């Protein structure tokens, strides 16, 4: 019985060992999210309001809006999280860190939103 338990524990330890992500994962994710956001913006800008009268035409703009909002939000979170880690390592106070994080969120949201 103990050999089975030891084997099971060894298998669990092996299966649950941490895996380091590739070094360029954040850059690839950011590039993909930027691409998705821009494609969704382009799709929404290409639609004419006259075509929106027919409900059958609502699927593509609705999908583009959902994808654009999701990718834009993920992009803001990804960029702010990277800055947040750097500031947290610098040892700033909790209130100062929260203020900087909120400022970073506002700046990144302005950068991601389409220029109008």
PDB file of N, CA and C in Angstrom:
ATOM      1  N   UNK A   1       0.828  -1.198   0.000  1.00  0.00           N
ATOM      2  CA  UNK A   1       0.000   0.000   0.000  1.00  0.00           C
ATOM      3  C   UNK A   1       0.864   1.250   0.000  1.00  0.00           C
ATOM      4  N   UNK A   2       1.964   1.246   0.759  1.00  0.00           N
ATOM      5  CA  UNK A   2       2.801   2.443   0.849  1.00  0.00           C
ATOM      6  C   UNK A   2       3.526   2.719  -0.461  1.00  0.00           C
ATOM      7  N   UNK A   3       3.868   1.679  -1.239  1.00  0.00           N
ATOM      8  CA  UNK A   3       4.521   1.923  -2.529  1.00  0.00           C
ATOM      9  C   UNK A   3       3.547   2.575  -3.508  1.00  0.00           C
ATOM     10  N   UNK A   4       2.293   2.201  -3.426  1.00  0.00           N
ATOM     11  CA  UNK A   4       1.288   2.816  -4.294  1.00  0.00           C
ATOM     12  C   UNK A   4       1.100   4.277  -3.921  1.00  0.00           C
ATOM     13  N   UNK A   5       1.072   4.549  -2.629  1.00  0.00           N
ATOM     14  CA  UNK A   5       0.938   5.922  -2.149  1.00  0.00           C
ATOM     15  C   UNK A   5       2.151   6.747  -2.548  1.00  0.00           C
ATOM     16  N   UNK A   6       3.344   6.181  -2.404  1.00  0.00           N
ATOM     17  CA  UNK A   6       4.566   6.895  -2.785  1.00  0.00           C
ATOM     18  C   UNK A   6       4.601   7.166  -4.285  1.00  0.00           C
ATOM     19  N   UNK A   7       4.175   6.175  -5.079  1.00  0.00           N
ATOM     20  CA  UNK A   7       4.131   6.362  -6.524  1.00  0.00           C
ATOM     21  C   UNK A   7       3.137   7.458  -6.901  1.00  0.00           C
ATOM     22  N   UNK A   8       1.980   7.436  -6.231  1.00  0.00           N
ATOM     23  CA  UNK A   8       0.961   8.439  -6.502  1.00  0.00           C
ATOM     24  C   UNK A   8       1.454   9.839  -6.126  1.00  0.00           C
ATOM     25  N   UNK A   9       2.109   9.943  -4.972  1.00  0.00           N
ATOM     26  CA  UNK A   9       2.651  11.236  -4.543  1.00  0.00           C
ATOM     27  C   UNK A   9       3.743  11.712  -5.490  1.00  0.00           C
ATOM     28  N   UNK A  10       4.567  10.822  -5.958  1.00  0.00           N
ATOM     29  CA  UNK A  10       5.622  11.190  -6.907  1.00  0.00           C
ATOM     30  C   UNK A  10       5.016  11.677  -8.224  1.00  0.00           C
ATOM     31  N   UNK A  11       3.982  10.979  -8.677  1.00  0.00           N
ATOM     32  CA  UNK A  11       3.309  11.396  -9.901  1.00  0.00           C
ATOM     33  C   UNK A  11       2.653  12.768  -9.733  1.00  0.00           C
ATOM     34  N   UNK A  12       2.041  13.011  -8.577  1.00  0.00           N
ATOM     35  CA  UNK A  12       1.438  14.317  -8.313  1.00  0.00           C
ATOM     36  C   UNK A  12       2.489  15.421  -8.289  1.00  0.00           C
ATOM     37  N   UNK A  13       3.615  15.158  -7.603  1.00  0.00           N
ATOM     38  CA  UNK A  13       4.688  16.160  -7.558  1.00  0.00           C
ATOM     39  C   UNK A  13       5.203  16.478  -8.954  1.00  0.00           C
ATOM     40  N   UNK A  14       5.359  15.446  -9.763  1.00  0.00           N
ATOM     41  CA  UNK A  14       5.847  15.640 -11.130  1.00  0.00           C
ATOM     42  C   UNK A  14       4.836  16.413 -11.970  1.00  0.00           C
ATOM     43  N   UNK A  15       3.562  16.120 -11.798  1.00  0.00           N
ATOM     44  CA  UNK A  15       2.529  16.780 -12.593  1.00  0.00           C
ATOM     45  C   UNK A  15       2.318  18.225 -12.175  1.00  0.00           C
ATOM     46  N   UNK A  16       2.550  18.535 -10.919  1.00  0.00           N
ATOM     47  CA  UNK A  16       2.265  19.877 -10.410  1.00  0.00           C
ATOM     48  C   UNK A  16       3.491  20.765 -10.285  1.00  0.00           C
ATOM     49  N   UNK A  17       4.612  20.385 -10.882  1.00  0.00           N
ATOM     50  CA  UNK A  17       5.793  21.248 -10.842  1.00  0.00           C
ATOM     51  C   UNK A  17       5.534  22.495 -11.676  1.00  0.00           C
ATOM     52  N   UNK A  18       5.965  23.653 -11.190  1.00  0.00           N
ATOM     53  CA  UNK A  18       5.741  24.897 -11.937  1.00  0.00           C
ATOM     54  C   UNK A  18       6.475  24.881 -13.281  1.00  0.00           C
ATOM     55  N   UNK A  19       5.844  25.459 -14.261  1.00  0.00           N
ATOM     56  CA  UNK A  19       6.424  25.562 -15.596  1.00  0.00           C
ATOM     57  C   UNK A  19       6.586  27.042 -15.912  1.00  0.00           C
ATOM     58  N   UNK A  20       7.770  27.440 -16.308  1.00  0.00           N
ATOM     59  CA  UNK A  20       8.025  28.831 -16.670  1.00  0.00           C
ATOM     60  C   UNK A  20       7.498  29.092 -18.075  1.00  0.00           C
ATOM     61  N   UNK A  21       6.750  30.173 -18.247  1.00  0.00           N
ATOM     62  CA  UNK A  21       6.263  30.498 -19.593  1.00  0.00           C
ATOM     63  C   UNK A  21       7.416  30.983 -20.470  1.00  0.00           C
ATOM     64  N   UNK A  22       7.250  30.911 -21.785  1.00  0.00           N
ATOM     65  CA  UNK A  22       8.303  31.409 -22.673  1.00  0.00           C
ATOM     66  C   UNK A  22       8.568  32.899 -22.419  1.00  0.00           C
ATOM     67  N   UNK A  23       9.783  33.316 -22.670  1.00  0.00           N
ATOM     68  CA  UNK A  23      10.175  34.702 -22.388  1.00  0.00           C
ATOM     69  C   UNK A  23       9.384  35.704 -23.218  1.00  0.00           C
ATOM     70  N   UNK A  24       9.029  35.341 -24.421  1.00  0.00           N
ATOM     71  CA  UNK A  24       8.339  36.280 -25.306  1.00  0.00           C
ATOM     72  C   UNK A  24       6.810  36.148 -25.250  1.00  0.00           C
ATOM     73  N   UNK A  25       6.283  35.449 -24.266  1.00  0.00           N
ATOM     74  CA  UNK A  25       4.843  35.233 -24.178  1.00  0.00           C
ATOM     75  C   UNK A  25       4.071  36.548 -24.027  1.00  0.00           C
ATOM     76  N   UNK A  26       4.541  37.425 -23.155  1.00  0.00           N
ATOM     77  CA  UNK A  26       3.847  38.704 -22.936  1.00  0.00           C
ATOM     78  C   UNK A  26       3.849  39.547 -24.214  1.00  0.00           C
ATOM     79  N   UNK A  27       4.956  39.569 -24.917  1.00  0.00           N
ATOM     80  CA  UNK A  27       5.038  40.349 -26.159  1.00  0.00           C
ATOM     81  C   UNK A  27       4.114  39.773 -27.229  1.00  0.00           C
ATOM     82  N   UNK A  28       4.057  38.449 -27.326  1.00  0.00           N
ATOM     83  CA  UNK A  28       3.175  37.823 -28.308  1.00  0.00           C
ATOM     84  C   UNK A  28       1.709  38.060 -27.956  1.00  0.00           C
ATOM     85  N   UNK A  29       1.371  37.962 -26.662  1.00  0.00           N
ATOM     86  CA  UNK A  29      -0.004  38.223 -26.242  1.00  0.00           C
ATOM     87  C   UNK A  29      -0.401  39.660 -26.530  1.00  0.00           C
ATOM     88  N   UNK A  30       0.507  40.589 -26.225  1.00  0.00           N
ATOM     89  CA  UNK A  30       0.213  42.004 -26.475  1.00  0.00           C
ATOM     90  C   UNK A  30       0.007  42.264 -27.962  1.00  0.00           C
ATOM     91  N   UNK A  31       0.853  41.688 -28.807  1.00  0.00           N
ATOM     92  CA  UNK A  31       0.701  41.877 -30.254  1.00  0.00           C
ATOM     93  C   UNK A  31      -0.621  41.296 -30.755  1.00  0.00           C
ATOM     94  N   UNK A  32      -1.001  40.143 -30.245  1.00  0.00           N
ATOM     95  CA  UNK A  32      -2.271  39.529 -30.644  1.00  0.00           C
ATOM     96  C   UNK A  32      -3.454  40.368 -30.191  1.00  0.00           C
ATOM     97  N   UNK A  33      -3.405  40.870 -28.952  1.00  0.00           N
ATOM     98  CA  UNK A  33      -4.504  41.684 -28.438  1.00  0.00           C
ATOM     99  C   UNK A  33      -4.621  43.006 -29.187  1.00  0.00           C
ATOM    100  N   UNK A  34      -3.493  43.615 -29.525  1.00  0.00           N
ATOM    101  CA  UNK A  34      -3.516  44.854 -30.308  1.00  0.00           C
ATOM    102  C   UNK A  34      -4.140  44.582 -31.676  1.00  0.00           C
ATOM    103  N   UNK A  35      -3.747  43.475 -32.285  1.00  0.00           N
ATOM    104  CA  UNK A  35      -4.288  43.119 -33.595  1.00  0.00           C
ATOM    105  C   UNK A  35      -5.801  42.892 -33.531  1.00  0.00           C
ATOM    106  N   UNK A  36      -6.261  42.154 -32.521  1.00  0.00           N
ATOM    107  CA  UNK A  36      -7.698  41.911 -32.372  1.00  0.00           C
ATOM    108  C   UNK A  36      -8.468  43.203 -32.143  1.00  0.00           C
ATOM    109  N   UNK A  37      -7.925  44.079 -31.321  1.00  0.00           N
ATOM    110  CA  UNK A  37      -8.585  45.350 -31.037  1.00  0.00           C
ATOM    111  C   UNK A  37      -8.696  46.196 -32.298  1.00  0.00           C
ATOM    112  N   UNK A  38      -7.607  46.278 -33.067  1.00  0.00           N
ATOM    113  CA  UNK A  38      -7.626  47.068 -34.291  1.00  0.00           C
ATOM    114  C   UNK A  38      -8.581  46.476 -35.332  1.00  0.00           C
ATOM    115  N   UNK A  39      -8.594  45.145 -35.457  1.00  0.00           N
ATOM    116  CA  UNK A  39      -9.507  44.509 -36.409  1.00  0.00           C
ATOM    117  C   UNK A  39     -10.964  44.757 -36.025  1.00  0.00           C
ATOM    118  N   UNK A  40     -11.264  44.691 -34.742  1.00  0.00           N
ATOM    119  CA  UNK A  40     -12.638  44.940 -34.293  1.00  0.00           C
ATOM    120  C   UNK A  40     -13.027  46.392 -34.552  1.00  0.00           C
ATOM    121  N   UNK A  41     -12.103  47.327 -34.305  1.00  0.00           N
ATOM    122  CA  UNK A  41     -12.385  48.738 -34.568  1.00  0.00           C
ATOM    123  C   UNK A  41     -12.627  48.967 -36.055  1.00  0.00           C
ATOM    124  N   UNK A  42     -11.806  48.360 -36.891  1.00  0.00           N
ATOM    125  CA  UNK A  42     -11.978  48.505 -38.340  1.00  0.00           C
ATOM    126  C   UNK A  42     -13.320  47.931 -38.793  1.00  0.00           C
ATOM    127  N   UNK A  43     -13.687  46.793 -38.234  1.00  0.00           N
ATOM    128  CA  UNK A  43     -14.965  46.167 -38.592  1.00  0.00           C
ATOM    129  C   UNK A  43     -16.131  47.065 -38.200  1.00  0.00           C
ATOM    130  N   UNK A  44     -16.073  47.641 -37.017  1.00  0.00           N
ATOM    131  CA  UNK A  44     -17.161  48.514 -36.570  1.00  0.00           C
ATOM    132  C   UNK A  44     -17.223  49.803 -37.383  1.00  0.00           C
ATOM    133  N   UNK A  45     -16.073  50.340 -37.764  1.00  0.00           N
ATOM    134  CA  UNK A  45     -16.057  51.572 -38.550  1.00  0.00           C
ATOM    135  C   UNK A  45     -16.563  51.355 -39.972  1.00  0.00           C
ATOM    136  N   UNK A  46     -16.445  50.134 -40.481  1.00  0.00           N
ATOM    137  CA  UNK A  46     -16.842  49.872 -41.864  1.00  0.00           C
ATOM    138  C   UNK A  46     -18.349  49.702 -42.022  1.00  0.00           C
ATOM    139  N   UNK A  47     -19.070  49.507 -40.941  1.00  0.00           N
ATOM    140  CA  UNK A  47     -20.516  49.300 -41.034  1.00  0.00           C
ATOM    141  C   UNK A  47     -21.243  50.612 -41.190  1.00  0.00           C
ATOM    142  N   UNK A  48     -22.230  50.592 -42.045  1.00  0.00           N
ATOM    143  CA  UNK A  48     -23.070  51.777 -42.264  1.00  0.00           C
ATOM    144  C   UNK A  48     -24.333  51.644 -41.425  1.00  0.00           C
ATOM    145  N   UNK A  49     -24.799  52.737 -40.929  1.00  0.00           N
ATOM    146  CA  UNK A  49     -25.994  52.719 -40.088  1.00  0.00           C
ATOM    147  C   UNK A  49     -27.230  52.249 -40.852  1.00  0.00           C
ATOM    148  N   UNK A  50     -27.282  52.516 -42.150  1.00  0.00           N
ATOM    149  CA  UNK A  50     -28.452  52.088 -42.917  1.00  0.00           C
ATOM    150  C   UNK A  50     -28.562  50.561 -42.960  1.00  0.00           C
ATOM    151  N   UNK A  51     -27.440  49.871 -42.907  1.00  0.00           N
ATOM    152  CA  UNK A  51     -27.459  48.409 -42.923  1.00  0.00           C
ATOM    153  C   UNK A  51     -27.905  47.832 -41.589  1.00  0.00           C
ATOM    154  N   UNK A  52     -27.928  48.639 -40.565  1.00  0.00           N
ATOM    155  CA  UNK A  52     -28.287  48.160 -39.233  1.00  0.00           C
ATOM    156  C   UNK A  52     -29.798  48.036 -39.037  1.00  0.00           C
ATOM    157  N   UNK A  53     -30.568  48.472 -39.993  1.00  0.00           N
ATOM    158  CA  UNK A  53     -32.035  48.371 -39.852  1.00  0.00           C
ATOM    159  C   UNK A  53     -32.498  46.912 -39.830  1.00  0.00           C
ATOM    160  N   UNK A  54     -31.796  46.076 -40.540  1.00  0.00           N
ATOM    161  CA  UNK A  54     -32.153  44.662 -40.604  1.00  0.00           C
ATOM    162  C   UNK A  54     -31.442  43.919 -39.467  1.00  0.00           C
ATOM    163  N   UNK A  55     -32.172  43.274 -38.571  1.00  0.00           N
ATOM    164  CA  UNK A  55     -31.546  42.577 -37.441  1.00  0.00           C
ATOM    165  C   UNK A  55     -30.596  41.455 -37.849  1.00  0.00           C
ATOM    166  N   UNK A  56     -30.731  40.934 -39.047  1.00  0.00           N
ATOM    167  CA  UNK A  56     -29.807  39.886 -39.499  1.00  0.00           C
ATOM    168  C   UNK A  56     -28.394  40.423 -39.671  1.00  0.00           C
ATOM    169  N   UNK A  57     -28.249  41.737 -39.808  1.00  0.00           N
ATOM    170  CA  UNK A  57     -26.931  42.342 -39.980  1.00  0.00           C
ATOM    171  C   UNK A  57     -26.264  42.698 -38.653  1.00  0.00           C
ATOM    172  N   UNK A  58     -26.890  42.394 -37.544  1.00  0.00           N
ATOM    173  CA  UNK A  58     -26.369  42.799 -36.248  1.00  0.00           C
ATOM    174  C   UNK A  58     -25.294  41.859 -35.707  1.00  0.00           C
ATOM    175  N   UNK A  59     -25.178  40.672 -36.266  1.00  0.00           N
ATOM    176  CA  UNK A  59     -24.257  39.676 -35.706  1.00  0.00           C
ATOM    177  C   UNK A  59     -22.802  40.121 -35.809  1.00  0.00           C
ATOM    178  N   UNK A  60     -22.378  40.531 -36.974  1.00  0.00           N
ATOM    179  CA  UNK A  60     -20.970  40.920 -37.145  1.00  0.00           C
ATOM    180  C   UNK A  60     -20.581  42.117 -36.291  1.00  0.00           C
ATOM    181  N   UNK A  61     -21.354  43.212 -36.272  1.00  0.00           N
ATOM    182  CA  UNK A  61     -20.963  44.320 -35.409  1.00  0.00           C
ATOM    183  C   UNK A  61     -21.016  43.958 -33.923  1.00  0.00           C
ATOM    184  N   UNK A  62     -21.980  43.123 -33.533  1.00  0.00           N
ATOM    185  CA  UNK A  62     -22.054  42.717 -32.128  1.00  0.00           C
ATOM    186  C   UNK A  62     -20.838  41.873 -31.755  1.00  0.00           C
ATOM    187  N   UNK A  63     -20.458  40.951 -32.629  1.00  0.00           N
ATOM    188  CA  UNK A  63     -19.273  40.130 -32.375  1.00  0.00           C
ATOM    189  C   UNK A  63     -18.019  41.000 -32.349  1.00  0.00           C
ATOM    190  N   UNK A  64     -17.927  41.946 -33.254  1.00  0.00           N
ATOM    191  CA  UNK A  64     -16.765  42.840 -33.271  1.00  0.00           C
ATOM    192  C   UNK A  64     -16.705  43.673 -32.006  1.00  0.00           C
ATOM    193  N   UNK A  65     -17.851  44.126 -31.518  1.00  0.00           N
ATOM    194  CA  UNK A  65     -17.867  44.914 -30.281  1.00  0.00           C
ATOM    195  C   UNK A  65     -17.423  44.076 -29.092  1.00  0.00           C
ATOM    196  N   UNK A  66     -17.922  42.859 -28.998  1.00  0.00           N
ATOM    197  CA  UNK A  66     -17.548  41.985 -27.878  1.00  0.00           C
ATOM    198  C   UNK A  66     -16.064  41.650 -27.931  1.00  0.00           C
ATOM    199  N   UNK A  67     -15.572  41.305 -29.108  1.00  0.00           N
ATOM    200  CA  UNK A  67     -14.154  40.971 -29.260  1.00  0.00           C
ATOM    201  C   UNK A  67     -13.286  42.193 -28.984  1.00  0.00           C
ATOM    202  N   UNK A  68     -13.689  43.339 -29.495  1.00  0.00           N
ATOM    203  CA  UNK A  68     -12.911  44.558 -29.273  1.00  0.00           C
ATOM    204  C   UNK A  68     -12.842  44.953 -27.808  1.00  0.00           C
ATOM    205  N   UNK A  69     -13.975  44.877 -27.129  1.00  0.00           N
ATOM    206  CA  UNK A  69     -13.995  45.222 -25.701  1.00  0.00           C
ATOM    207  C   UNK A  69     -13.168  44.218 -24.896  1.00  0.00           C
ATOM    208  N   UNK A  70     -13.324  42.946 -25.205  1.00  0.00           N
ATOM    209  CA  UNK A  70     -12.562  41.923 -24.480  1.00  0.00           C
ATOM    210  C   UNK A  70     -11.067  42.048 -24.694  1.00  0.00           C
ATOM    211  N   UNK A  71     -10.658  42.215 -25.950  1.00  0.00           N
ATOM    212  CA  UNK A  71      -9.232  42.333 -26.258  1.00  0.00           C
ATOM    213  C   UNK A  71      -8.661  43.633 -25.706  1.00  0.00           C
ATOM    214  N   UNK A  72      -9.421  44.711 -25.796  1.00  0.00           N
ATOM    215  CA  UNK A  72      -8.950  45.984 -25.253  1.00  0.00           C
ATOM    216  C   UNK A  72      -8.782  45.938 -23.752  1.00  0.00           C
ATOM    217  N   UNK A  73      -9.731  45.324 -23.074  1.00  0.00           N
ATOM    218  CA  UNK A  73      -9.635  45.197 -21.618  1.00  0.00           C
ATOM    219  C   UNK A  73      -8.450  44.328 -21.227  1.00  0.00           C
ATOM    220  N   UNK A  74      -8.277  43.212 -21.924  1.00  0.00           N
ATOM    221  CA  UNK A  74      -7.134  42.343 -21.631  1.00  0.00           C
ATOM    222  C   UNK A  74      -5.816  43.056 -21.901  1.00  0.00           C
ATOM    223  N   UNK A  75      -5.767  43.863 -22.928  1.00  0.00           N
ATOM    224  CA  UNK A  75      -4.554  44.613 -23.245  1.00  0.00           C
ATOM    225  C   UNK A  75      -4.229  45.613 -22.144  1.00  0.00           C
ATOM    226  N   UNK A  76      -5.241  46.326 -21.667  1.00  0.00           N
ATOM    227  CA  UNK A  76      -5.029  47.280 -20.571  1.00  0.00           C
ATOM    228  C   UNK A  76      -4.541  46.543 -19.329  1.00  0.00           C
ATOM    229  N   UNK A  77      -5.172  45.425 -18.990  1.00  0.00           N
ATOM    230  CA  UNK A  77      -4.779  44.658 -17.803  1.00  0.00           C
ATOM    231  C   UNK A  77      -3.354  44.148 -17.942  1.00  0.00           C
ATOM    232  N   UNK A  78      -2.999  43.643 -19.107  1.00  0.00           N
ATOM    233  CA  UNK A  78      -1.645  43.116 -19.325  1.00  0.00           C
ATOM    234  C   UNK A  78      -0.596  44.196 -19.146  1.00  0.00           C
ATOM    235  N   UNK A  79      -0.819  45.352 -19.737  1.00  0.00           N
ATOM    236  CA  UNK A  79       0.162  46.438 -19.627  1.00  0.00           C
ATOM    237  C   UNK A  79       0.249  46.993 -18.215  1.00  0.00           C
ATOM    238  N   UNK A  80      -0.896  47.175 -17.564  1.00  0.00           N
ATOM    239  CA  UNK A  80      -0.900  47.736 -16.208  1.00  0.00           C
ATOM    240  C   UNK A  80      -0.282  46.746 -15.225  1.00  0.00           C
ATOM    241  N   UNK A  81      -0.532  45.466 -15.422  1.00  0.00           N
ATOM    242  CA  UNK A  81       0.020  44.460 -14.512  1.00  0.00           C
ATOM    243  C   UNK A  81       1.543  44.445 -14.551  1.00  0.00           C
ATOM    244  N   UNK A  82       2.113  44.619 -15.740  1.00  0.00           N
ATOM    245  CA  UNK A  82       3.565  44.682 -15.844  1.00  0.00           C
ATOM    246  C   UNK A  82       4.142  45.872 -15.096  1.00  0.00           C
ATOM    247  N   UNK A  83       3.494  47.017 -15.217  1.00  0.00           N
ATOM    248  CA  UNK A  83       3.959  48.196 -14.482  1.00  0.00           C
ATOM    249  C   UNK A  83       3.745  48.036 -12.984  1.00  0.00           C
ATOM    250  N   UNK A  84       2.637  47.411 -12.619  1.00  0.00           N
ATOM    251  CA  UNK A  84       2.314  47.217 -11.213  1.00  0.00           C
ATOM    252  C   UNK A  84       3.383  46.364 -10.526  1.00  0.00           C
ATOM    253  N   UNK A  85       3.818  45.311 -11.195  1.00  0.00           N
ATOM    254  CA  UNK A  85       4.867  44.453 -10.622  1.00  0.00           C
ATOM    255  C   UNK A  85       6.156  45.230 -10.402  1.00  0.00           C
ATOM    256  N   UNK A  86       6.527  46.044 -11.379  1.00  0.00           N
ATOM    257  CA  UNK A  86       7.764  46.816 -11.248  1.00  0.00           C
ATOM    258  C   UNK A  86       7.676  47.800 -10.082  1.00  0.00           C
ATOM    259  N   UNK A  87       6.525  48.432  -9.938  1.00  0.00           N
ATOM    260  CA  UNK A  87       6.367  49.384  -8.838  1.00  0.00           C
ATOM    261  C   UNK A  87       6.311  48.680  -7.489  1.00  0.00           C
ATOM    262  N   UNK A  88       5.690  47.515  -7.451  1.00  0.00           N
ATOM    263  CA  UNK A  88       5.602  46.774  -6.195  1.00  0.00           C
ATOM    264  C   UNK A  88       6.988  46.341  -5.739  1.00  0.00           C
ATOM    265  N   UNK A  89       7.840  45.964  -6.679  1.00  0.00           N
ATOM    266  CA  UNK A  89       9.205  45.566  -6.348  1.00  0.00           C
ATOM    267  C   UNK A  89      10.023  46.763  -5.868  1.00  0.00           C
ATOM    268  N   UNK A  90       9.653  47.970  -6.307  1.00  0.00           N
ATOM    269  CA  UNK A  90      10.372  49.167  -5.889  1.00  0.00           C
ATOM    270  C   UNK A  90      10.073  49.506  -4.430  1.00  0.00           C
ATOM    271  N   UNK A  91       9.015  48.920  -3.864  1.00  0.00           N
ATOM    272  CA  UNK A  91       8.735  49.095  -2.451  1.00  0.00           C
ATOM    273  C   UNK A  91       7.957  50.344  -2.104  1.00  0.00           C
ATOM    274  N   UNK A  92       7.168  50.870  -3.015  1.00  0.00           N
ATOM    275  CA  UNK A  92       6.372  52.048  -2.696  1.00  0.00           C
ATOM    276  C   UNK A  92       5.228  51.640  -1.770  1.00  0.00           C
ATOM    277  N   UNK A  93       4.635  52.607  -1.094  1.00  0.00           N
ATOM    278  CA  UNK A  93       3.552  52.338  -0.161  1.00  0.00           C
ATOM    279  C   UNK A  93       2.295  51.877  -0.870  1.00  0.00           C
ATOM    280  N   UNK A  94       1.380  51.304  -0.111  1.00  0.00           N
ATOM    281  CA  UNK A  94       0.155  50.746  -0.679  1.00  0.00           C
ATOM    282  C   UNK A  94      -0.716  51.818  -1.322  1.00  0.00           C
ATOM    283  N   UNK A  95      -0.866  52.954  -0.674  1.00  0.00           N
ATOM    284  CA  UNK A  95      -1.702  54.033  -1.214  1.00  0.00           C
ATOM    285  C   UNK A  95      -1.065  54.599  -2.481  1.00  0.00           C
ATOM    286  N   UNK A  96       0.229  54.785  -2.447  1.00  0.00           N
ATOM    287  CA  UNK A  96       0.937  55.299  -3.634  1.00  0.00           C
ATOM    288  C   UNK A  96       0.854  54.297  -4.789  1.00  0.00           C
ATOM    289  N   UNK A  97       0.985  53.025  -4.470  1.00  0.00           N
ATOM    290  CA  UNK A  97       0.891  51.980  -5.493  1.00  0.00           C
ATOM    291  C   UNK A  97      -0.501  51.964  -6.116  1.00  0.00           C
ATOM    292  N   UNK A  98      -1.546  52.095  -5.307  1.00  0.00           N
ATOM    293  CA  UNK A  98      -2.916  52.124  -5.820  1.00  0.00           C
ATOM    294  C   UNK A  98      -3.136  53.344  -6.707  1.00  0.00           C
ATOM    295  N   UNK A  99      -2.613  54.488  -6.305  1.00  0.00           N
ATOM    296  CA  UNK A  99      -2.738  55.699  -7.112  1.00  0.00           C
ATOM    297  C   UNK A  99      -2.062  55.560  -8.461  1.00  0.00           C
ATOM    298  N   UNK A 100      -0.844  55.009  -8.449  1.00  0.00           N
ATOM    299  CA  UNK A 100      -0.119  54.800  -9.712  1.00  0.00           C
ATOM    300  C   UNK A 100      -0.847  53.792 -10.602  1.00  0.00           C
ATOM    301  N   UNK A 101      -1.414  52.756  -9.993  1.00  0.00           N
ATOM    302  CA  UNK A 101      -2.129  51.748 -10.767  1.00  0.00           C
ATOM    303  C   UNK A 101      -3.361  52.347 -11.435  1.00  0.00           C
ATOM    304  N   UNK A 102      -4.134  53.134 -10.701  1.00  0.00           N
ATOM    305  CA  UNK A 102      -5.307  53.784 -11.286  1.00  0.00           C
ATOM    306  C   UNK A 102      -4.910  54.749 -12.404  1.00  0.00           C
ATOM    307  N   UNK A 103      -3.821  55.472 -12.206  1.00  0.00           N
ATOM    308  CA  UNK A 103      -3.324  56.378 -13.245  1.00  0.00           C
ATOM    309  C   UNK A 103      -2.914  55.580 -14.490  1.00  0.00           C
ATOM    310  N   UNK A 104      -2.230  54.458 -14.288  1.00  0.00           N
ATOM    311  CA  UNK A 104      -1.817  53.618 -15.422  1.00  0.00           C
ATOM    312  C   UNK A 104      -3.021  53.063 -16.173  1.00  0.00           C
ATOM    313  N   UNK A 105      -4.069  52.667 -15.438  1.00  0.00           N
ATOM    314  CA  UNK A 105      -5.275  52.153 -16.082  1.00  0.00           C
ATOM    315  C   UNK A 105      -5.897  53.230 -16.970  1.00  0.00           C
ATOM    316  N   UNK A 106      -5.983  54.450 -16.449  1.00  0.00           N
ATOM    317  CA  UNK A 106      -6.568  55.539 -17.236  1.00  0.00           C
ATOM    318  C   UNK A 106      -5.723  55.828 -18.474  1.00  0.00           C
ATOM    319  N   UNK A 107      -4.418  55.863 -18.332  1.00  0.00           N
ATOM    320  CA  UNK A 107      -3.535  56.143 -19.470  1.00  0.00           C
ATOM    321  C   UNK A 107      -3.625  55.052 -20.534  1.00  0.00           C
ATOM    322  N   UNK A 108      -3.619  53.792 -20.127  1.00  0.00           N
ATOM    323  CA  UNK A 108      -3.695  52.696 -21.091  1.00  0.00           C
ATOM    324  C   UNK A 108      -5.057  52.649 -21.768  1.00  0.00           C
ATOM    325  N   UNK A 109      -6.107  52.951 -21.028  1.00  0.00           N
ATOM    326  CA  UNK A 109      -7.447  52.967 -21.637  1.00  0.00           C
ATOM    327  C   UNK A 109      -7.526  54.053 -22.702  1.00  0.00           C
ATOM    328  N   UNK A 110      -6.926  55.211 -22.439  1.00  0.00           N
ATOM    329  CA  UNK A 110      -6.901  56.277 -23.452  1.00  0.00           C
ATOM    330  C   UNK A 110      -6.126  55.829 -24.683  1.00  0.00           C
ATOM    331  N   UNK A 111      -5.053  55.095 -24.461  1.00  0.00           N
ATOM    332  CA  UNK A 111      -4.214  54.645 -25.568  1.00  0.00           C
ATOM    333  C   UNK A 111      -4.926  53.589 -26.419  1.00  0.00           C
ATOM    334  N   UNK A 112      -5.724  52.738 -25.775  1.00  0.00           N
ATOM    335  CA  UNK A 112      -6.387  51.638 -26.483  1.00  0.00           C
ATOM    336  C   UNK A 112      -7.654  52.116 -27.191  1.00  0.00           C
ATOM    337  N   UNK A 113      -8.377  53.051 -26.605  1.00  0.00           N
ATOM    338  CA  UNK A 113      -9.624  53.520 -27.204  1.00  0.00           C
ATOM    339  C   UNK A 113      -9.350  54.164 -28.561  1.00  0.00           C
ATOM    340  N   UNK A 114     -10.277  54.014 -29.492  1.00  0.00           N
ATOM    341  CA  UNK A 114     -10.053  54.601 -30.819  1.00  0.00           C
ATOM    342  C   UNK A 114     -10.030  56.123 -30.761  1.00  0.00           C
ATOM    343  N   UNK A 115      -9.226  56.690 -31.607  1.00  0.00           N
ATOM    344  CA  UNK A 115      -9.113  58.155 -31.670  1.00  0.00           C
ATOM    345  C   UNK A 115     -10.349  58.701 -32.367  1.00  0.00           C
ATOM    346  N   UNK A 116     -11.054  59.611 -31.748  1.00  0.00           N
ATOM    347  CA  UNK A 116     -12.261  60.214 -32.351  1.00  0.00           C
ATOM    348  C   UNK A 116     -12.160  61.706 -32.281  1.00  0.00           C
TER     349      UNK A 116
END
